[in-house]
Amino acid sequence: MKKKNILLIGLPVFLVLAVFLFSSMVISNPKLEDCTLETKTITNIKEGTSFDIVFTDIQGDHYYINRGLERGLNLESLNSKVLNKSVTLHLAKVLGGMATSEHITQLSVDNEIIFTELK
């Protein structure tokens, strides 16, 4: 009987926590205050999955523009603008601001905004 009671109480609690965790990782309509600002030197740019554009920095860390190729960006142009240059990235915060994702919400070089989805 105790196992059944634990299951009846534990399952709804688990589901609520799972929904909260999942929803706190969804990035939609990012704002400047929902981002972390980082400066990186980009050493590689490539197409990722689902038309994403993936950037690799000098330390080997990866960042991405979600569906960047569908948004009108192209790899050749990005290579000429950001490859082996210092860029400023606005990276989306997730989990209620407790963590920084690899999702680029804004990319700029020398104060020129190359890409933004900030509102």
PDB file of N, CA and C in Angstrom:
ATOM      1  N   MET A   1       0.813  -1.202   0.000  1.00  0.00           N
ATOM      2  CA  MET A   1       0.000   0.000   0.000  1.00  0.00           C
ATOM      3  C   MET A   1       0.862   1.274   0.000  1.00  0.00           C
ATOM      4  N   LYS A   2       1.996   1.235   0.719  1.00  0.00           N
ATOM      5  CA  LYS A   2       2.864   2.406   0.787  1.00  0.00           C
ATOM      6  C   LYS A   2       3.449   2.724  -0.579  1.00  0.00           C
ATOM      7  N   LYS A   3       3.802   1.694  -1.350  1.00  0.00           N
ATOM      8  CA  LYS A   3       4.364   1.925  -2.675  1.00  0.00           C
ATOM      9  C   LYS A   3       3.351   2.613  -3.576  1.00  0.00           C
ATOM     10  N   LYS A   4       2.097   2.235  -3.468  1.00  0.00           N
ATOM     11  CA  LYS A   4       1.055   2.843  -4.285  1.00  0.00           C
ATOM     12  C   LYS A   4       0.869   4.318  -3.920  1.00  0.00           C
ATOM     13  N   ASN A   5       0.902   4.639  -2.623  1.00  0.00           N
ATOM     14  CA  ASN A   5       0.762   6.031  -2.175  1.00  0.00           C
ATOM     15  C   ASN A   5       1.943   6.886  -2.640  1.00  0.00           C
ATOM     16  N   ILE A   6       3.132   6.305  -2.561  1.00  0.00           N
ATOM     17  CA  ILE A   6       4.320   7.039  -3.009  1.00  0.00           C
ATOM     18  C   ILE A   6       4.218   7.316  -4.503  1.00  0.00           C
ATOM     19  N   LEU A   7       3.761   6.334  -5.259  1.00  0.00           N
ATOM     20  CA  LEU A   7       3.606   6.504  -6.697  1.00  0.00           C
ATOM     21  C   LEU A   7       2.550   7.550  -7.019  1.00  0.00           C
ATOM     22  N   LEU A   8       1.449   7.532  -6.297  1.00  0.00           N
ATOM     23  CA  LEU A   8       0.375   8.498  -6.541  1.00  0.00           C
ATOM     24  C   LEU A   8       0.802   9.927  -6.230  1.00  0.00           C
ATOM     25  N   ILE A   9       1.669  10.090  -5.266  1.00  0.00           N
ATOM     26  CA  ILE A   9       2.161  11.429  -4.906  1.00  0.00           C
ATOM     27  C   ILE A   9       3.392  11.784  -5.736  1.00  0.00           C
ATOM     28  N   GLY A  10       4.308  10.834  -5.885  1.00  0.00           N
ATOM     29  CA  GLY A  10       5.582  11.096  -6.547  1.00  0.00           C
ATOM     30  C   GLY A  10       5.462  11.352  -8.036  1.00  0.00           C
ATOM     31  N   LEU A  11       4.590  10.635  -8.722  1.00  0.00           N
ATOM     32  CA  LEU A  11       4.459  10.799 -10.164  1.00  0.00           C
ATOM     33  C   LEU A  11       3.998  12.202 -10.552  1.00  0.00           C
ATOM     34  N   PRO A  12       2.949  12.748  -9.938  1.00  0.00           N
ATOM     35  CA  PRO A  12       2.560  14.125 -10.300  1.00  0.00           C
ATOM     36  C   PRO A  12       3.650  15.165  -9.986  1.00  0.00           C
ATOM     37  N   VAL A  13       4.340  14.974  -8.874  1.00  0.00           N
ATOM     38  CA  VAL A  13       5.423  15.897  -8.521  1.00  0.00           C
ATOM     39  C   VAL A  13       6.530  15.817  -9.562  1.00  0.00           C
ATOM     40  N   PHE A  14       6.887  14.606  -9.954  1.00  0.00           N
ATOM     41  CA  PHE A  14       7.909  14.413 -10.982  1.00  0.00           C
ATOM     42  C   PHE A  14       7.483  15.064 -12.289  1.00  0.00           C
ATOM     43  N   LEU A  15       6.237  14.884 -12.693  1.00  0.00           N
ATOM     44  CA  LEU A  15       5.754  15.468 -13.951  1.00  0.00           C
ATOM     45  C   LEU A  15       5.787  16.988 -13.914  1.00  0.00           C
ATOM     46  N   VAL A  16       5.391  17.571 -12.806  1.00  0.00           N
ATOM     47  CA  VAL A  16       5.423  19.037 -12.674  1.00  0.00           C
ATOM     48  C   VAL A  16       6.860  19.536 -12.765  1.00  0.00           C
ATOM     49  N   LEU A  17       7.784  18.868 -12.086  1.00  0.00           N
ATOM     50  CA  LEU A  17       9.189  19.274 -12.144  1.00  0.00           C
ATOM     51  C   LEU A  17       9.762  19.097 -13.549  1.00  0.00           C
ATOM     52  N   ALA A  18       9.394  18.026 -14.230  1.00  0.00           N
ATOM     53  CA  ALA A  18       9.877  17.786 -15.591  1.00  0.00           C
ATOM     54  C   ALA A  18       9.375  18.871 -16.539  1.00  0.00           C
ATOM     55  N   VAL A  19       8.112  19.236 -16.425  1.00  0.00           N
ATOM     56  CA  VAL A  19       7.549  20.289 -17.283  1.00  0.00           C
ATOM     57  C   VAL A  19       8.247  21.617 -16.989  1.00  0.00           C
ATOM     58  N   PHE A  20       8.458  21.931 -15.709  1.00  0.00           N
ATOM     59  CA  PHE A  20       9.148  23.175 -15.350  1.00  0.00           C
ATOM     60  C   PHE A  20      10.564  23.187 -15.915  1.00  0.00           C
ATOM     61  N   LEU A  21      11.296  22.079 -15.759  1.00  0.00           N
ATOM     62  CA  LEU A  21      12.661  22.004 -16.254  1.00  0.00           C
ATOM     63  C   LEU A  21      12.708  22.164 -17.761  1.00  0.00           C
ATOM     64  N   PHE A  22      11.832  21.472 -18.471  1.00  0.00           N
ATOM     65  CA  PHE A  22      11.807  21.562 -19.926  1.00  0.00           C
ATOM     66  C   PHE A  22      11.449  22.977 -20.380  1.00  0.00           C
ATOM     67  N   SER A  23      10.425  23.552 -19.790  1.00  0.00           N
ATOM     68  CA  SER A  23       9.992  24.892 -20.211  1.00  0.00           C
ATOM     69  C   SER A  23      11.027  25.956 -19.880  1.00  0.00           C
ATOM     70  N   SER A  24      11.831  25.732 -18.856  1.00  0.00           N
ATOM     71  CA  SER A  24      12.850  26.730 -18.508  1.00  0.00           C
ATOM     72  C   SER A  24      14.051  26.658 -19.439  1.00  0.00           C
ATOM     73  N   MET A  25      14.113  25.640 -20.303  1.00  0.00           N
ATOM     74  CA  MET A  25      15.202  25.514 -21.249  1.00  0.00           C
ATOM     75  C   MET A  25      14.810  25.984 -22.650  1.00  0.00           C
ATOM     76  N   VAL A  26      13.535  26.276 -22.856  1.00  0.00           N
ATOM     77  CA  VAL A  26      13.072  26.763 -24.155  1.00  0.00           C
ATOM     78  C   VAL A  26      13.424  28.240 -24.275  1.00  0.00           C
ATOM     79  N   ILE A  27      14.033  28.602 -25.398  1.00  0.00           N
ATOM     80  CA  ILE A  27      14.446  29.985 -25.609  1.00  0.00           C
ATOM     81  C   ILE A  27      13.507  30.603 -26.632  1.00  0.00           C
ATOM     82  N   SER A  28      12.690  31.539 -26.170  1.00  0.00           N
ATOM     83  CA  SER A  28      11.775  32.226 -27.088  1.00  0.00           C
ATOM     84  C   SER A  28      11.719  33.699 -26.713  1.00  0.00           C
ATOM     85  N   ASN A  29      11.737  34.537 -27.719  1.00  0.00           N
ATOM     86  CA  ASN A  29      11.703  35.992 -27.534  1.00  0.00           C
ATOM     87  C   ASN A  29      12.732  36.476 -26.513  1.00  0.00           C
ATOM     88  N   PRO A  30      14.010  36.178 -26.751  1.00  0.00           N
ATOM     89  CA  PRO A  30      15.029  36.593 -25.781  1.00  0.00           C
ATOM     90  C   PRO A  30      15.149  38.115 -25.706  1.00  0.00           C
ATOM     91  N   LYS A  31      15.515  38.578 -24.543  1.00  0.00           N
ATOM     92  CA  LYS A  31      15.746  40.000 -24.300  1.00  0.00           C
ATOM     93  C   LYS A  31      17.188  40.165 -23.816  1.00  0.00           C
ATOM     94  N   LEU A  32      17.710  41.353 -23.945  1.00  0.00           N
ATOM     95  CA  LEU A  32      19.095  41.626 -23.580  1.00  0.00           C
ATOM     96  C   LEU A  32      19.379  41.192 -22.141  1.00  0.00           C
ATOM     97  N   GLU A  33      18.463  41.450 -21.231  1.00  0.00           N
ATOM     98  CA  GLU A  33      18.679  41.103 -19.827  1.00  0.00           C
ATOM     99  C   GLU A  33      18.639  39.599 -19.576  1.00  0.00           C
ATOM    100  N   ASP A  34      18.216  38.819 -20.580  1.00  0.00           N
ATOM    101  CA  ASP A  34      18.171  37.358 -20.462  1.00  0.00           C
ATOM    102  C   ASP A  34      19.406  36.708 -21.067  1.00  0.00           C
ATOM    103  N   CYS A  35      20.472  37.485 -21.260  1.00  0.00           N
ATOM    104  CA  CYS A  35      21.672  36.982 -21.939  1.00  0.00           C
ATOM    105  C   CYS A  35      22.930  37.244 -21.126  1.00  0.00           C
ATOM    106  N   THR A  36      23.935  36.441 -21.423  1.00  0.00           N
ATOM    107  CA  THR A  36      25.279  36.635 -20.894  1.00  0.00           C
ATOM    108  C   THR A  36      26.154  37.103 -22.047  1.00  0.00           C
ATOM    109  N   LEU A  37      26.963  38.106 -21.801  1.00  0.00           N
ATOM    110  CA  LEU A  37      27.836  38.677 -22.827  1.00  0.00           C
ATOM    111  C   LEU A  37      29.213  38.028 -22.727  1.00  0.00           C
ATOM    112  N   GLU A  38      29.705  37.496 -23.861  1.00  0.00           N
ATOM    113  CA  GLU A  38      31.032  36.870 -23.887  1.00  0.00           C
ATOM    114  C   GLU A  38      31.775  37.282 -25.148  1.00  0.00           C
ATOM    115  N   THR A  39      33.087  37.410 -25.029  1.00  0.00           N
ATOM    116  CA  THR A  39      33.941  37.710 -26.169  1.00  0.00           C
ATOM    117  C   THR A  39      34.764  36.466 -26.475  1.00  0.00           C
ATOM    118  N   LYS A  40      34.723  36.023 -27.731  1.00  0.00           N
ATOM    119  CA  LYS A  40      35.391  34.790 -28.148  1.00  0.00           C
ATOM    120  C   LYS A  40      36.104  35.014 -29.474  1.00  0.00           C
ATOM    121  N   THR A  41      37.142  34.222 -29.723  1.00  0.00           N
ATOM    122  CA  THR A  41      37.787  34.188 -31.032  1.00  0.00           C
ATOM    123  C   THR A  41      37.298  32.935 -31.744  1.00  0.00           C
ATOM    124  N   ILE A  42      36.664  33.122 -32.897  1.00  0.00           N
ATOM    125  CA  ILE A  42      36.060  32.021 -33.639  1.00  0.00           C
ATOM    126  C   ILE A  42      37.091  31.396 -34.576  1.00  0.00           C
ATOM    127  N   THR A  43      37.255  30.072 -34.476  1.00  0.00           N
ATOM    128  CA  THR A  43      38.238  29.367 -35.301  1.00  0.00           C
ATOM    129  C   THR A  43      37.602  28.452 -36.345  1.00  0.00           C
ATOM    130  N   ASN A  44      36.308  28.186 -36.220  1.00  0.00           N
ATOM    131  CA  ASN A  44      35.641  27.313 -37.186  1.00  0.00           C
ATOM    132  C   ASN A  44      34.151  27.636 -37.230  1.00  0.00           C
ATOM    133  N   ILE A  45      33.585  27.563 -38.428  1.00  0.00           N
ATOM    134  CA  ILE A  45      32.151  27.768 -38.625  1.00  0.00           C
ATOM    135  C   ILE A  45      31.666  26.649 -39.536  1.00  0.00           C
ATOM    136  N   LYS A  46      30.569  25.996 -39.150  1.00  0.00           N
ATOM    137  CA  LYS A  46      30.048  24.904 -39.975  1.00  0.00           C
ATOM    138  C   LYS A  46      28.537  24.795 -39.808  1.00  0.00           C
ATOM    139  N   GLU A  47      27.927  24.064 -40.727  1.00  0.00           N
ATOM    140  CA  GLU A  47      26.496  23.784 -40.634  1.00  0.00           C
ATOM    141  C   GLU A  47      26.294  22.675 -39.608  1.00  0.00           C
ATOM    142  N   GLY A  48      25.312  22.899 -38.742  1.00  0.00           N
ATOM    143  CA  GLY A  48      24.949  21.875 -37.767  1.00  0.00           C
ATOM    144  C   GLY A  48      23.672  21.183 -38.197  1.00  0.00           C
ATOM    145  N   THR A  49      22.969  20.631 -37.248  1.00  0.00           N
ATOM    146  CA  THR A  49      21.703  19.975 -37.551  1.00  0.00           C
ATOM    147  C   THR A  49      20.594  21.008 -37.660  1.00  0.00           C
ATOM    148  N   SER A  50      19.540  20.676 -38.365  1.00  0.00           N
ATOM    149  CA  SER A  50      18.347  21.529 -38.490  1.00  0.00           C
ATOM    150  C   SER A  50      18.672  22.943 -38.954  1.00  0.00           C
ATOM    151  N   PHE A  51      19.613  23.069 -39.891  1.00  0.00           N
ATOM    152  CA  PHE A  51      19.983  24.362 -40.465  1.00  0.00           C
ATOM    153  C   PHE A  51      20.653  25.305 -39.464  1.00  0.00           C
ATOM    154  N   ASP A  52      21.136  24.766 -38.346  1.00  0.00           N
ATOM    155  CA  ASP A  52      21.871  25.577 -37.376  1.00  0.00           C
ATOM    156  C   ASP A  52      23.241  25.931 -37.944  1.00  0.00           C
ATOM    157  N   ILE A  53      23.809  27.016 -37.443  1.00  0.00           N
ATOM    158  CA  ILE A  53      25.187  27.379 -37.761  1.00  0.00           C
ATOM    159  C   ILE A  53      25.969  27.246 -36.462  1.00  0.00           C
ATOM    160  N   VAL A  54      27.033  26.452 -36.498  1.00  0.00           N
ATOM    161  CA  VAL A  54      27.818  26.155 -35.302  1.00  0.00           C
ATOM    162  C   VAL A  54      29.168  26.860 -35.391  1.00  0.00           C
ATOM    163  N   PHE A  55      29.519  27.563 -34.335  1.00  0.00           N
ATOM    164  CA  PHE A  55      30.777  28.295 -34.230  1.00  0.00           C
ATOM    165  C   PHE A  55      31.636  27.610 -33.171  1.00  0.00           C
ATOM    166  N   THR A  56      32.921  27.474 -33.464  1.00  0.00           N
ATOM    167  CA  THR A  56      33.858  26.912 -32.495  1.00  0.00           C
ATOM    168  C   THR A  56      34.863  28.000 -32.146  1.00  0.00           C
ATOM    169  N   ASP A  57      35.118  28.148 -30.831  1.00  0.00           N
ATOM    170  CA  ASP A  57      36.079  29.173 -30.416  1.00  0.00           C
ATOM    171  C   ASP A  57      37.461  28.558 -30.228  1.00  0.00           C
ATOM    172  N   ILE A  58      38.405  29.392 -29.884  1.00  0.00           N
ATOM    173  CA  ILE A  58      39.807  28.984 -29.780  1.00  0.00           C
ATOM    174  C   ILE A  58      40.023  27.920 -28.694  1.00  0.00           C
ATOM    175  N   GLN A  59      39.139  27.859 -27.694  1.00  0.00           N
ATOM    176  CA  GLN A  59      39.244  26.845 -26.644  1.00  0.00           C
ATOM    177  C   GLN A  59      38.531  25.544 -27.016  1.00  0.00           C
ATOM    178  N   GLY A  60      37.864  25.532 -28.175  1.00  0.00           N
ATOM    179  CA  GLY A  60      37.149  24.330 -28.599  1.00  0.00           C
ATOM    180  C   GLY A  60      35.687  24.288 -28.167  1.00  0.00           C
ATOM    181  N   ASP A  61      35.199  25.364 -27.554  1.00  0.00           N
ATOM    182  CA  ASP A  61      33.788  25.434 -27.159  1.00  0.00           C
ATOM    183  C   ASP A  61      32.931  25.738 -28.379  1.00  0.00           C
ATOM    184  N   HIS A  62      31.696  25.248 -28.365  1.00  0.00           N
ATOM    185  CA  HIS A  62      30.782  25.415 -29.487  1.00  0.00           C
ATOM    186  C   HIS A  62      29.588  26.277 -29.099  1.00  0.00           C
ATOM    187  N   TYR A  63      29.142  27.098 -30.046  1.00  0.00           N
ATOM    188  CA  TYR A  63      27.974  27.959 -29.899  1.00  0.00           C
ATOM    189  C   TYR A  63      27.203  27.874 -31.202  1.00  0.00           C
ATOM    190  N   TYR A  64      25.913  28.169 -31.166  1.00  0.00           N
ATOM    191  CA  TYR A  64      25.131  28.011 -32.387  1.00  0.00           C
ATOM    192  C   TYR A  64      24.081  29.100 -32.552  1.00  0.00           C
ATOM    193  N   ILE A  65      23.765  29.367 -33.833  1.00  0.00           N
ATOM    194  CA  ILE A  65      22.617  30.199 -34.183  1.00  0.00           C
ATOM    195  C   ILE A  65      21.543  29.229 -34.645  1.00  0.00           C
ATOM    196  N   ASN A  66      20.468  29.191 -33.902  1.00  0.00           N
ATOM    197  CA  ASN A  66      19.375  28.274 -34.198  1.00  0.00           C
ATOM    198  C   ASN A  66      18.766  28.591 -35.564  1.00  0.00           C
ATOM    199  N   ARG A  67      18.770  27.597 -36.453  1.00  0.00           N
ATOM    200  CA  ARG A  67      18.207  27.709 -37.794  1.00  0.00           C
ATOM    201  C   ARG A  67      18.756  28.918 -38.559  1.00  0.00           C
ATOM    202  N   GLY A  68      20.043  29.187 -38.348  1.00  0.00           N
ATOM    203  CA  GLY A  68      20.691  30.337 -38.971  1.00  0.00           C
ATOM    204  C   GLY A  68      20.645  30.339 -40.484  1.00  0.00           C
ATOM    205  N   LEU A  69      20.766  29.163 -41.098  1.00  0.00           N
ATOM    206  CA  LEU A  69      20.729  29.093 -42.561  1.00  0.00           C
ATOM    207  C   LEU A  69      19.343  29.417 -43.093  1.00  0.00           C
ATOM    208  N   GLU A  70      18.306  29.094 -42.338  1.00  0.00           N
ATOM    209  CA  GLU A  70      16.941  29.449 -42.735  1.00  0.00           C
ATOM    210  C   GLU A  70      16.663  30.935 -42.531  1.00  0.00           C
ATOM    211  N   ARG A  71      17.458  31.579 -41.729  1.00  0.00           N
ATOM    212  CA  ARG A  71      17.261  32.995 -41.419  1.00  0.00           C
ATOM    213  C   ARG A  71      18.033  33.908 -42.367  1.00  0.00           C
ATOM    214  N   GLY A  72      18.618  33.337 -43.413  1.00  0.00           N
ATOM    215  CA  GLY A  72      19.291  34.150 -44.422  1.00  0.00           C
ATOM    216  C   GLY A  72      20.785  34.288 -44.249  1.00  0.00           C
ATOM    217  N   LEU A  73      21.355  33.669 -43.226  1.00  0.00           N
ATOM    218  CA  LEU A  73      22.805  33.712 -43.056  1.00  0.00           C
ATOM    219  C   LEU A  73      23.433  32.643 -43.940  1.00  0.00           C
ATOM    220  N   ASN A  74      24.679  32.882 -44.367  1.00  0.00           N
ATOM    221  CA  ASN A  74      25.368  31.835 -45.128  1.00  0.00           C
ATOM    222  C   ASN A  74      26.797  31.697 -44.619  1.00  0.00           C
ATOM    223  N   LEU A  75      27.316  30.489 -44.770  1.00  0.00           N
ATOM    224  CA  LEU A  75      28.621  30.162 -44.204  1.00  0.00           C
ATOM    225  C   LEU A  75      29.756  30.965 -44.833  1.00  0.00           C
ATOM    226  N   GLU A  76      29.700  31.182 -46.132  1.00  0.00           N
ATOM    227  CA  GLU A  76      30.773  31.916 -46.819  1.00  0.00           C
ATOM    228  C   GLU A  76      30.891  33.345 -46.282  1.00  0.00           C
ATOM    229  N   SER A  77      29.766  34.023 -46.151  1.00  0.00           N
ATOM    230  CA  SER A  77      29.760  35.386 -45.641  1.00  0.00           C
ATOM    231  C   SER A  77      30.230  35.429 -44.185  1.00  0.00           C
ATOM    232  N   LEU A  78      29.754  34.497 -43.386  1.00  0.00           N
ATOM    233  CA  LEU A  78      30.160  34.454 -41.983  1.00  0.00           C
ATOM    234  C   LEU A  78      31.654  34.173 -41.850  1.00  0.00           C
ATOM    235  N   ASN A  79      32.171  33.279 -42.682  1.00  0.00           N
ATOM    236  CA  ASN A  79      33.610  32.988 -42.639  1.00  0.00           C
ATOM    237  C   ASN A  79      34.427  34.247 -42.865  1.00  0.00           C
ATOM    238  N   SER A  80      34.035  35.071 -43.838  1.00  0.00           N
ATOM    239  CA  SER A  80      34.799  36.286 -44.123  1.00  0.00           C
ATOM    240  C   SER A  80      34.640  37.338 -43.022  1.00  0.00           C
ATOM    241  N   LYS A  81      33.505  37.329 -42.336  1.00  0.00           N
ATOM    242  CA  LYS A  81      33.264  38.358 -41.316  1.00  0.00           C
ATOM    243  C   LYS A  81      33.784  38.001 -39.926  1.00  0.00           C
ATOM    244  N   VAL A  82      33.758  36.722 -39.550  1.00  0.00           N
ATOM    245  CA  VAL A  82      34.064  36.395 -38.156  1.00  0.00           C
ATOM    246  C   VAL A  82      35.184  35.389 -37.941  1.00  0.00           C
ATOM    247  N   LEU A  83      35.596  34.657 -38.973  1.00  0.00           N
ATOM    248  CA  LEU A  83      36.611  33.626 -38.778  1.00  0.00           C
ATOM    249  C   LEU A  83      37.942  34.232 -38.339  1.00  0.00           C
ATOM    250  N   ASN A  84      38.487  33.691 -37.270  1.00  0.00           N
ATOM    251  CA  ASN A  84      39.754  34.127 -36.667  1.00  0.00           C
ATOM    252  C   ASN A  84      39.701  35.561 -36.160  1.00  0.00           C
ATOM    253  N   LYS A  85      38.506  36.015 -35.812  1.00  0.00           N
ATOM    254  CA  LYS A  85      38.332  37.357 -35.253  1.00  0.00           C
ATOM    255  C   LYS A  85      37.683  37.254 -33.884  1.00  0.00           C
ATOM    256  N   SER A  86      37.863  38.297 -33.116  1.00  0.00           N
ATOM    257  CA  SER A  86      37.215  38.385 -31.813  1.00  0.00           C
ATOM    258  C   SER A  86      35.783  38.863 -32.017  1.00  0.00           C
ATOM    259  N   VAL A  87      34.840  38.095 -31.503  1.00  0.00           N
ATOM    260  CA  VAL A  87      33.422  38.425 -31.655  1.00  0.00           C
ATOM    261  C   VAL A  87      32.790  38.586 -30.281  1.00  0.00           C
ATOM    262  N   THR A  88      31.695  39.318 -30.258  1.00  0.00           N
ATOM    263  CA  THR A  88      30.912  39.458 -29.044  1.00  0.00           C
ATOM    264  C   THR A  88      29.646  38.636 -29.207  1.00  0.00           C
ATOM    265  N   LEU A  89      29.428  37.731 -28.260  1.00  0.00           N
ATOM    266  CA  LEU A  89      28.255  36.864 -28.279  1.00  0.00           C
ATOM    267  C   LEU A  89      27.339  37.209 -27.123  1.00  0.00           C
ATOM    268  N   HIS A  90      26.066  37.292 -27.408  1.00  0.00           N
ATOM    269  CA  HIS A  90      25.051  37.345 -26.368  1.00  0.00           C
ATOM    270  C   HIS A  90      24.480  35.935 -26.327  1.00  0.00           C
ATOM    271  N   LEU A  91      24.675  35.240 -25.215  1.00  0.00           N
ATOM    272  CA  LEU A  91      24.237  33.864 -25.064  1.00  0.00           C
ATOM    273  C   LEU A  91      23.041  33.813 -24.124  1.00  0.00           C
ATOM    274  N   ALA A  92      22.024  33.069 -24.528  1.00  0.00           N
ATOM    275  CA  ALA A  92      20.785  33.001 -23.759  1.00  0.00           C
ATOM    276  C   ALA A  92      21.000  32.288 -22.427  1.00  0.00           C
ATOM    277  N   LYS A  93      20.410  32.847 -21.380  1.00  0.00           N
ATOM    278  CA  LYS A  93      20.390  32.196 -20.069  1.00  0.00           C
ATOM    279  C   LYS A  93      19.188  31.251 -20.036  1.00  0.00           C
ATOM    280  N   VAL A  94      19.369  30.115 -19.365  1.00  0.00           N
ATOM    281  CA  VAL A  94      18.291  29.144 -19.205  1.00  0.00           C
ATOM    282  C   VAL A  94      18.182  28.759 -17.729  1.00  0.00           C
ATOM    283  N   LEU A  95      17.195  27.928 -17.423  1.00  0.00           N
ATOM    284  CA  LEU A  95      16.956  27.478 -16.048  1.00  0.00           C
ATOM    285  C   LEU A  95      16.779  28.656 -15.100  1.00  0.00           C
ATOM    286  N   GLY A  96      15.981  29.599 -15.541  1.00  0.00           N
ATOM    287  CA  GLY A  96      15.700  30.759 -14.705  1.00  0.00           C
ATOM    288  C   GLY A  96      16.902  31.646 -14.476  1.00  0.00           C
ATOM    289  N   GLY A  97      17.848  31.630 -15.414  1.00  0.00           N
ATOM    290  CA  GLY A  97      19.042  32.460 -15.302  1.00  0.00           C
ATOM    291  C   GLY A  97      20.188  31.788 -14.567  1.00  0.00           C
ATOM    292  N   MET A  98      20.000  30.534 -14.148  1.00  0.00           N
ATOM    293  CA  MET A  98      21.051  29.827 -13.398  1.00  0.00           C
ATOM    294  C   MET A  98      22.153  29.275 -14.288  1.00  0.00           C
ATOM    295  N   ALA A  99      21.891  29.159 -15.603  1.00  0.00           N
ATOM    296  CA  ALA A  99      22.891  28.596 -16.524  1.00  0.00           C
ATOM    297  C   ALA A  99      22.881  29.390 -17.823  1.00  0.00           C
ATOM    298  N   THR A 100      24.004  29.360 -18.505  1.00  0.00           N
ATOM    299  CA  THR A 100      24.124  30.010 -19.804  1.00  0.00           C
ATOM    300  C   THR A 100      24.182  28.925 -20.870  1.00  0.00           C
ATOM    301  N   SER A 101      23.357  29.083 -21.903  1.00  0.00           N
ATOM    302  CA  SER A 101      23.325  28.097 -22.987  1.00  0.00           C
ATOM    303  C   SER A 101      24.378  28.434 -24.031  1.00  0.00           C
ATOM    304  N   GLU A 102      24.437  27.603 -25.056  1.00  0.00           N
ATOM    305  CA  GLU A 102      25.330  27.843 -26.194  1.00  0.00           C
ATOM    306  C   GLU A 102      24.569  28.514 -27.337  1.00  0.00           C
ATOM    307  N   HIS A 103      23.333  28.896 -27.089  1.00  0.00           N
ATOM    308  CA  HIS A 103      22.448  29.517 -28.075  1.00  0.00           C
ATOM    309  C   HIS A 103      22.806  30.993 -28.233  1.00  0.00           C
ATOM    310  N   ILE A 104      23.232  31.376 -29.433  1.00  0.00           N
ATOM    311  CA  ILE A 104      23.612  32.767 -29.711  1.00  0.00           C
ATOM    312  C   ILE A 104      22.345  33.561 -30.022  1.00  0.00           C
ATOM    313  N   THR A 105      22.101  34.611 -29.233  1.00  0.00           N
ATOM    314  CA  THR A 105      20.970  35.489 -29.518  1.00  0.00           C
ATOM    315  C   THR A 105      21.419  36.740 -30.267  1.00  0.00           C
ATOM    316  N   GLN A 106      22.717  37.062 -30.144  1.00  0.00           N
ATOM    317  CA  GLN A 106      23.269  38.166 -30.933  1.00  0.00           C
ATOM    318  C   GLN A 106      24.760  37.924 -31.141  1.00  0.00           C
ATOM    319  N   LEU A 107      25.217  38.219 -32.355  1.00  0.00           N
ATOM    320  CA  LEU A 107      26.617  38.066 -32.729  1.00  0.00           C
ATOM    321  C   LEU A 107      27.080  39.374 -33.351  1.00  0.00           C
ATOM    322  N   SER A 108      28.177  39.928 -32.854  1.00  0.00           N
ATOM    323  CA  SER A 108      28.692  41.169 -33.438  1.00  0.00           C
ATOM    324  C   SER A 108      30.220  41.120 -33.514  1.00  0.00           C
ATOM    325  N   VAL A 109      30.729  41.883 -34.468  1.00  0.00           N
ATOM    326  CA  VAL A 109      32.177  42.021 -34.674  1.00  0.00           C
ATOM    327  C   VAL A 109      32.463  43.509 -34.820  1.00  0.00           C
ATOM    328  N   ASP A 110      33.393  44.017 -34.030  1.00  0.00           N
ATOM    329  CA  ASP A 110      33.751  45.437 -34.098  1.00  0.00           C
ATOM    330  C   ASP A 110      32.522  46.340 -34.065  1.00  0.00           C
ATOM    331  N   ASN A 111      31.625  46.081 -33.154  1.00  0.00           N
ATOM    332  CA  ASN A 111      30.386  46.854 -32.966  1.00  0.00           C
ATOM    333  C   ASN A 111      29.411  46.776 -34.139  1.00  0.00           C
ATOM    334  N   GLU A 112      29.648  45.879 -35.095  1.00  0.00           N
ATOM    335  CA  GLU A 112      28.689  45.647 -36.176  1.00  0.00           C
ATOM    336  C   GLU A 112      27.905  44.384 -35.848  1.00  0.00           C
ATOM    337  N   ILE A 113      26.592  44.529 -35.748  1.00  0.00           N
ATOM    338  CA  ILE A 113      25.745  43.373 -35.437  1.00  0.00           C
ATOM    339  C   ILE A 113      25.585  42.539 -36.710  1.00  0.00           C
ATOM    340  N   ILE A 114      26.057  41.300 -36.639  1.00  0.00           N
ATOM    341  CA  ILE A 114      25.970  40.370 -37.773  1.00  0.00           C
ATOM    342  C   ILE A 114      24.645  39.625 -37.730  1.00  0.00           C
ATOM    343  N   PHE A 115      24.193  39.295 -36.508  1.00  0.00           N
ATOM    344  CA  PHE A 115      22.946  38.567 -36.321  1.00  0.00           C
ATOM    345  C   PHE A 115      22.360  38.964 -34.971  1.00  0.00           C
ATOM    346  N   THR A 116      21.035  39.091 -34.935  1.00  0.00           N
ATOM    347  CA  THR A 116      20.358  39.309 -33.647  1.00  0.00           C
ATOM    348  C   THR A 116      18.948  38.759 -33.707  1.00  0.00           C
ATOM    349  N   GLU A 117      18.503  38.264 -32.580  1.00  0.00           N
ATOM    350  CA  GLU A 117      17.108  37.893 -32.402  1.00  0.00           C
ATOM    351  C   GLU A 117      16.569  38.563 -31.135  1.00  0.00           C
ATOM    352  N   LEU A 118      17.335  39.544 -30.640  1.00  0.00           N
ATOM    353  CA  LEU A 118      16.899  40.275 -29.451  1.00  0.00           C
ATOM    354  C   LEU A 118      15.764  41.225 -29.804  1.00  0.00           C
ATOM    355  N   LYS A 119      14.875  41.370 -28.888  1.00  0.00           N
ATOM    356  CA  LYS A 119      13.721  42.262 -29.067  1.00  0.00           C
ATOM    357  C   LYS A 119      13.981  43.570 -28.338  1.00  0.00           C
TER     358      LYS A 119
END
